[in-house]
Protein backbone atom coordinates (compact mmCIF):
# COMPACT_ATOMS: atom_id res chain seq x y z
CA MET A 1 -14.37 62.90 153.14
CA GLU A 2 -13.86 64.46 156.52
CA LYS A 3 -12.36 61.22 157.82
CA TYR A 4 -9.90 61.22 154.93
CA PHE A 5 -9.00 64.83 155.59
CA ASP A 6 -8.49 64.16 159.28
CA GLN A 7 -6.36 61.07 158.70
CA HIS A 8 -4.14 62.89 156.22
CA ASN A 9 -4.03 66.22 158.05
CA VAL A 10 -5.37 68.09 155.04
CA GLN A 11 -5.37 71.84 155.56
CA LYS A 12 -8.69 73.66 155.37
CA THR A 13 -7.50 75.60 152.35
CA GLN A 14 -6.91 72.38 150.40
CA LYS A 15 -10.16 70.57 151.15
CA VAL A 16 -12.21 72.08 148.34
CA CYS A 17 -9.36 71.59 145.86
CA ILE A 18 -9.23 67.89 146.68
CA THR A 19 -12.99 67.51 146.67
CA ILE A 20 -13.48 68.99 143.20
CA LEU A 21 -11.17 66.34 141.75
CA TYR A 22 -14.01 63.86 142.26
CA LEU A 23 -16.77 65.88 140.63
CA GLU A 24 -18.60 64.79 137.51
CA LEU A 25 -18.88 67.28 134.65
CA ASN A 26 -22.26 68.70 135.73
CA GLU A 27 -21.05 69.17 139.29
CA PHE A 28 -17.85 70.80 138.09
CA VAL A 29 -19.78 73.25 135.94
CA TRP A 30 -21.94 74.04 138.94
CA TYR A 31 -18.78 74.50 141.07
CA ARG A 32 -17.36 77.02 138.59
CA TRP A 33 -20.65 78.90 138.69
CA ILE A 34 -20.79 78.98 142.51
CA CYS A 35 -17.19 80.24 142.58
CA SER A 36 -18.18 83.10 140.32
CA LEU A 37 -20.86 84.11 142.84
CA LEU A 38 -18.90 83.70 146.06
CA LYS A 39 -15.47 85.07 146.80
CA LEU A 40 -14.40 82.26 149.09
CA VAL A 41 -15.83 78.77 148.94
CA THR A 42 -15.05 76.83 152.10
CA LEU A 43 -15.73 73.12 152.31
CA SER A 44 -18.74 73.66 154.56
CA VAL A 45 -20.24 76.23 152.16
CA PHE A 46 -19.36 74.01 149.21
CA MET A 47 -21.08 70.94 150.70
CA GLU A 48 -24.11 72.88 151.87
CA GLU A 49 -24.63 74.54 148.49
CA MET A 50 -23.99 71.31 146.62
CA ILE A 51 -26.57 69.40 148.66
CA VAL A 52 -29.15 72.12 148.15
CA HIS A 53 -28.47 72.29 144.42
CA PHE A 54 -28.22 68.58 143.62
CA GLU A 55 -30.64 67.05 146.09
CA ASP A 56 -33.21 64.83 144.40
CA THR A 57 -36.41 65.62 146.24
CA LYS A 58 -38.45 62.87 144.54
CA ARG A 59 -36.21 59.99 145.58
CA ASN A 60 -34.63 61.79 148.53
CA THR A 61 -31.14 60.87 147.39
CA PHE A 62 -28.05 62.91 146.86
CA PHE A 63 -27.12 63.65 143.25
CA SER A 64 -30.13 63.04 141.07
């Protein structure tokens, strides 16, 4: 995604808004929950929290 953002000169404030367009229902529900906990969700915080939350430790893949 970062390459896309760089190529299209996406502003930092818009990165999370664009990213959430591609979430599945479970991820979107999680996103709404994380927003209720944190005042400001930057892309780096968003990605870090998402990886921690959705990491499949058994298969070591992203999004179980």
